[in-house]
């Protein structure tokens, strides 16, 4: 799902900063929060529900609608978030 900042204000969605006019992909769980719905109601953010390219081609020609959804490929890191490196548990391995 995409959110677009349609206001003239800077908006933070989680750890993502959205400048006026920015449009970003987010997980459904990030978008389905009371705070995001309130910002959409106040016309600060706009929720853009995209139709996948696979769904559009499936309607045009049912035999060619087997392409993968480009939005699905981006679900692991939709907002460009960097993954934090894993921390060591702080214990040294002992020789047995």
N, C-alpha and C. Protein backbone atom coordinates (compact mmCIF):
# COMPACT_ATOMS: atom_id res chain seq x y z
N UNK A 1 0.85 -1.17 0.00
CA UNK A 1 0.00 0.00 0.00
C UNK A 1 0.89 1.24 0.00
N UNK A 2 0.42 2.26 -0.62
CA UNK A 2 1.19 3.49 -0.70
C UNK A 2 0.49 4.59 0.08
N UNK A 3 1.30 5.43 0.68
CA UNK A 3 0.81 6.64 1.32
C UNK A 3 1.45 7.83 0.63
N UNK A 4 0.67 8.88 0.44
CA UNK A 4 1.19 10.10 -0.17
C UNK A 4 0.91 11.26 0.78
N UNK A 5 1.94 12.06 1.02
CA UNK A 5 1.80 13.25 1.85
C UNK A 5 1.23 14.36 0.97
N UNK A 6 -0.04 14.68 1.17
CA UNK A 6 -0.69 15.70 0.34
C UNK A 6 -0.75 17.05 1.04
N UNK A 7 -0.14 17.16 2.22
CA UNK A 7 -0.14 18.42 2.95
C UNK A 7 1.14 19.19 2.65
N UNK A 8 1.27 20.32 3.29
CA UNK A 8 2.50 21.12 3.15
C UNK A 8 3.40 20.92 4.36
N UNK A 9 3.09 19.92 5.17
CA UNK A 9 3.85 19.63 6.39
C UNK A 9 4.69 18.37 6.21
N UNK A 10 5.75 18.25 7.03
CA UNK A 10 6.55 17.04 7.08
C UNK A 10 5.86 16.06 8.02
N UNK A 11 5.72 14.81 7.59
CA UNK A 11 5.00 13.80 8.36
C UNK A 11 5.92 12.60 8.59
N UNK A 12 5.95 12.11 9.83
CA UNK A 12 6.68 10.88 10.14
C UNK A 12 5.70 9.73 10.21
N UNK A 13 6.02 8.66 9.51
CA UNK A 13 5.24 7.43 9.58
C UNK A 13 6.22 6.37 10.07
N UNK A 14 6.13 6.03 11.34
CA UNK A 14 7.13 5.15 11.93
C UNK A 14 8.46 5.87 11.94
N UNK A 15 9.47 5.28 11.34
CA UNK A 15 10.78 5.92 11.27
C UNK A 15 11.03 6.57 9.91
N UNK A 16 10.00 6.63 9.08
CA UNK A 16 10.13 7.19 7.74
C UNK A 16 9.62 8.63 7.74
N UNK A 17 10.45 9.52 7.23
CA UNK A 17 10.07 10.93 7.12
C UNK A 17 9.53 11.17 5.72
N UNK A 18 8.33 11.73 5.66
CA UNK A 18 7.70 12.02 4.36
C UNK A 18 7.60 13.53 4.18
N UNK A 19 8.29 14.02 3.17
CA UNK A 19 8.22 15.43 2.83
C UNK A 19 6.93 15.68 2.04
N UNK A 20 6.50 16.93 1.93
CA UNK A 20 5.30 17.22 1.14
C UNK A 20 5.43 16.69 -0.29
N UNK A 21 4.43 15.95 -0.73
CA UNK A 21 4.42 15.38 -2.07
C UNK A 21 5.04 14.00 -2.18
N UNK A 22 5.70 13.53 -1.12
CA UNK A 22 6.32 12.20 -1.15
C UNK A 22 5.27 11.11 -1.20
N UNK A 23 5.63 10.03 -1.89
CA UNK A 23 4.77 8.85 -2.00
C UNK A 23 5.64 7.64 -1.69
N UNK A 24 5.25 6.83 -0.69
CA UNK A 24 6.07 5.70 -0.26
C UNK A 24 5.23 4.45 -0.07
N UNK A 25 5.89 3.29 -0.23
CA UNK A 25 5.26 1.99 0.04
C UNK A 25 5.40 1.66 1.51
N UNK A 26 4.35 1.09 2.08
CA UNK A 26 4.36 0.66 3.47
C UNK A 26 3.68 -0.70 3.58
N UNK A 27 4.00 -1.40 4.66
CA UNK A 27 3.31 -2.64 4.97
C UNK A 27 1.86 -2.32 5.33
N UNK A 28 0.97 -3.26 5.11
CA UNK A 28 -0.44 -3.07 5.45
C UNK A 28 -0.60 -2.82 6.94
N UNK A 29 0.19 -3.50 7.77
CA UNK A 29 0.10 -3.31 9.22
C UNK A 29 0.49 -1.90 9.64
N UNK A 30 1.42 -1.27 8.93
CA UNK A 30 1.81 0.10 9.24
C UNK A 30 0.71 1.09 8.87
N UNK A 31 -0.02 0.78 7.82
CA UNK A 31 -1.06 1.69 7.33
C UNK A 31 -2.35 1.55 8.13
N UNK A 32 -2.65 0.35 8.61
CA UNK A 32 -3.90 0.10 9.34
C UNK A 32 -3.78 0.45 10.82
N UNK A 33 -3.42 1.69 11.10
CA UNK A 33 -3.34 2.16 12.48
C UNK A 33 -4.28 3.35 12.64
N UNK A 34 -4.77 3.59 13.85
CA UNK A 34 -5.66 4.73 14.05
C UNK A 34 -5.02 6.07 13.70
N UNK A 35 -3.73 6.21 13.95
CA UNK A 35 -3.05 7.47 13.67
C UNK A 35 -3.02 7.76 12.17
N UNK A 36 -2.74 6.75 11.36
CA UNK A 36 -2.70 6.94 9.90
C UNK A 36 -4.10 7.23 9.38
N UNK A 37 -5.11 6.54 9.90
CA UNK A 37 -6.49 6.80 9.47
C UNK A 37 -6.91 8.22 9.84
N UNK A 38 -6.47 8.71 10.99
CA UNK A 38 -6.80 10.08 11.40
C UNK A 38 -6.13 11.09 10.47
N UNK A 39 -4.89 10.84 10.09
CA UNK A 39 -4.19 11.74 9.16
C UNK A 39 -4.84 11.72 7.77
N UNK A 40 -5.34 10.58 7.37
CA UNK A 40 -6.05 10.49 6.09
C UNK A 40 -7.38 11.25 6.15
N UNK A 41 -8.07 11.15 7.29
CA UNK A 41 -9.33 11.87 7.47
C UNK A 41 -9.14 13.39 7.44
N UNK A 42 -8.00 13.84 8.00
CA UNK A 42 -7.70 15.27 8.04
C UNK A 42 -7.05 15.75 6.74
N UNK A 43 -6.96 14.86 5.75
CA UNK A 43 -6.41 15.15 4.43
C UNK A 43 -4.96 15.63 4.50
N UNK A 44 -4.20 14.97 5.37
CA UNK A 44 -2.76 15.19 5.44
C UNK A 44 -2.05 14.11 4.64
N UNK A 45 -2.54 12.88 4.78
CA UNK A 45 -2.03 11.75 4.01
C UNK A 45 -3.13 11.22 3.12
N UNK A 46 -2.73 10.62 2.00
CA UNK A 46 -3.69 9.99 1.10
C UNK A 46 -3.27 8.53 0.93
N UNK A 47 -4.20 7.63 1.12
CA UNK A 47 -3.95 6.20 0.95
C UNK A 47 -4.20 5.84 -0.50
N UNK A 48 -3.17 5.28 -1.13
CA UNK A 48 -3.27 4.90 -2.54
C UNK A 48 -3.25 3.39 -2.61
N UNK A 49 -4.37 2.81 -3.00
CA UNK A 49 -4.45 1.36 -3.16
C UNK A 49 -4.14 1.06 -4.61
N UNK A 50 -2.98 0.45 -4.83
CA UNK A 50 -2.56 0.15 -6.19
C UNK A 50 -3.08 -1.20 -6.63
N UNK A 51 -3.44 -1.28 -7.88
CA UNK A 51 -3.77 -2.57 -8.46
C UNK A 51 -2.49 -3.11 -9.05
N UNK A 52 -2.24 -4.36 -8.82
CA UNK A 52 -1.01 -4.95 -9.31
C UNK A 52 -1.05 -5.10 -10.82
N UNK A 53 0.10 -5.11 -11.43
CA UNK A 53 0.21 -5.29 -12.88
C UNK A 53 -0.33 -6.65 -13.29
N UNK A 54 -0.15 -7.65 -12.43
CA UNK A 54 -0.65 -8.99 -12.73
C UNK A 54 -2.17 -9.01 -12.78
N UNK A 55 -2.82 -8.27 -11.90
CA UNK A 55 -4.28 -8.23 -11.88
C UNK A 55 -4.82 -7.52 -13.12
N UNK A 56 -4.14 -6.46 -13.54
CA UNK A 56 -4.59 -5.74 -14.73
C UNK A 56 -4.43 -6.59 -15.98
N UNK A 57 -3.33 -7.31 -16.12
CA UNK A 57 -3.15 -8.14 -17.30
C UNK A 57 -4.07 -9.36 -17.27
N UNK A 58 -4.41 -9.83 -16.06
CA UNK A 58 -5.32 -10.96 -15.94
C UNK A 58 -6.71 -10.59 -16.44
N UNK A 59 -7.10 -9.32 -16.21
CA UNK A 59 -8.41 -8.89 -16.71
C UNK A 59 -8.41 -8.76 -18.22
N UNK A 60 -7.29 -8.28 -18.78
CA UNK A 60 -7.20 -8.10 -20.23
C UNK A 60 -7.10 -9.43 -20.96
N UNK A 61 -6.22 -10.30 -20.47
CA UNK A 61 -5.99 -11.60 -21.09
C UNK A 61 -5.71 -12.61 -19.98
N UNK A 62 -6.67 -13.44 -19.65
CA UNK A 62 -6.52 -14.35 -18.52
C UNK A 62 -5.34 -15.31 -18.64
N UNK A 63 -4.89 -15.61 -19.84
CA UNK A 63 -3.77 -16.54 -20.00
C UNK A 63 -2.43 -15.90 -19.72
N UNK A 64 -2.32 -14.58 -19.84
CA UNK A 64 -1.04 -13.91 -19.64
C UNK A 64 -0.91 -13.29 -18.25
N UNK A 65 -1.80 -13.50 -17.34
CA UNK A 65 -1.76 -12.88 -16.02
C UNK A 65 -0.95 -13.65 -15.01
N UNK A 66 0.13 -14.29 -15.42
CA UNK A 66 0.91 -15.10 -14.50
C UNK A 66 2.16 -14.40 -14.00
N UNK A 67 2.36 -13.14 -14.35
CA UNK A 67 3.54 -12.41 -13.88
C UNK A 67 3.43 -12.18 -12.38
N UNK A 68 4.60 -12.08 -11.73
CA UNK A 68 4.58 -11.84 -10.29
C UNK A 68 4.26 -10.39 -10.02
N UNK A 69 3.66 -10.15 -8.88
CA UNK A 69 3.28 -8.82 -8.45
C UNK A 69 4.52 -8.02 -8.07
N UNK A 70 4.79 -6.87 -8.71
CA UNK A 70 5.98 -6.10 -8.36
C UNK A 70 5.93 -5.57 -6.93
N UNK A 71 4.75 -5.38 -6.37
CA UNK A 71 4.64 -4.92 -4.99
C UNK A 71 5.07 -6.03 -4.04
N UNK A 72 4.80 -7.28 -4.39
CA UNK A 72 5.19 -8.41 -3.56
C UNK A 72 6.70 -8.47 -3.38
N UNK A 73 7.45 -8.13 -4.44
CA UNK A 73 8.91 -8.17 -4.37
C UNK A 73 9.45 -7.17 -3.37
N UNK A 74 8.72 -6.12 -3.09
CA UNK A 74 9.20 -5.04 -2.25
C UNK A 74 8.69 -5.13 -0.82
N UNK A 75 8.01 -6.22 -0.44
CA UNK A 75 7.41 -6.30 0.88
C UNK A 75 8.43 -6.44 2.00
N UNK A 76 9.61 -6.97 1.70
CA UNK A 76 10.60 -7.13 2.74
C UNK A 76 11.15 -5.79 3.20
N UNK A 77 11.26 -4.83 2.33
CA UNK A 77 11.85 -3.54 2.67
C UNK A 77 11.12 -2.43 1.91
N UNK A 78 9.82 -2.19 2.17
CA UNK A 78 9.05 -1.29 1.34
C UNK A 78 9.43 0.18 1.47
N UNK A 79 9.86 0.61 2.62
CA UNK A 79 10.13 2.03 2.81
C UNK A 79 11.61 2.34 2.72
N UNK A 80 12.41 1.41 2.23
CA UNK A 80 13.83 1.65 2.10
C UNK A 80 14.56 1.57 3.43
N UNK A 81 13.97 0.89 4.39
CA UNK A 81 14.59 0.80 5.71
C UNK A 81 15.80 -0.13 5.67
N UNK A 82 16.85 0.28 6.34
CA UNK A 82 18.05 -0.55 6.44
C UNK A 82 17.83 -1.57 7.54
N UNK A 83 18.29 -2.78 7.29
CA UNK A 83 18.20 -3.81 8.32
C UNK A 83 19.37 -3.65 9.28
N UNK A 84 19.09 -3.68 10.56
CA UNK A 84 20.14 -3.56 11.57
C UNK A 84 20.94 -4.85 11.63
N UNK A 85 22.25 -4.75 11.82
CA UNK A 85 23.04 -5.97 11.95
C UNK A 85 22.68 -6.71 13.22
N UNK A 86 22.79 -8.03 13.16
CA UNK A 86 22.46 -8.83 14.33
C UNK A 86 23.53 -8.65 15.39
N UNK A 87 23.08 -8.55 16.63
CA UNK A 87 24.00 -8.36 17.75
C UNK A 87 24.43 -9.71 18.29
N UNK A 88 25.67 -9.75 18.74
CA UNK A 88 26.17 -10.96 19.40
C UNK A 88 25.57 -11.01 20.80
N UNK A 89 25.44 -12.20 21.35
CA UNK A 89 24.81 -12.31 22.65
C UNK A 89 25.74 -11.94 23.79
N UNK A 90 26.99 -11.56 23.51
CA UNK A 90 27.90 -11.06 24.52
C UNK A 90 28.68 -12.14 25.25
N UNK A 91 28.43 -13.37 24.95
CA UNK A 91 29.15 -14.45 25.60
C UNK A 91 30.22 -15.02 24.68
N UNK A 92 31.34 -15.34 25.28
CA UNK A 92 32.41 -15.95 24.51
C UNK A 92 32.24 -17.45 24.50
N UNK A 93 32.56 -18.03 23.39
CA UNK A 93 32.46 -19.50 23.31
C UNK A 93 33.64 -20.10 24.08
N UNK A 94 33.33 -21.10 24.84
CA UNK A 94 34.38 -21.75 25.61
C UNK A 94 34.72 -23.09 24.97
N UNK A 95 35.98 -23.43 25.04
CA UNK A 95 36.41 -24.72 24.47
C UNK A 95 36.00 -25.83 25.42
N UNK A 96 35.43 -26.86 24.89
CA UNK A 96 34.99 -27.98 25.75
C UNK A 96 35.93 -29.13 25.63
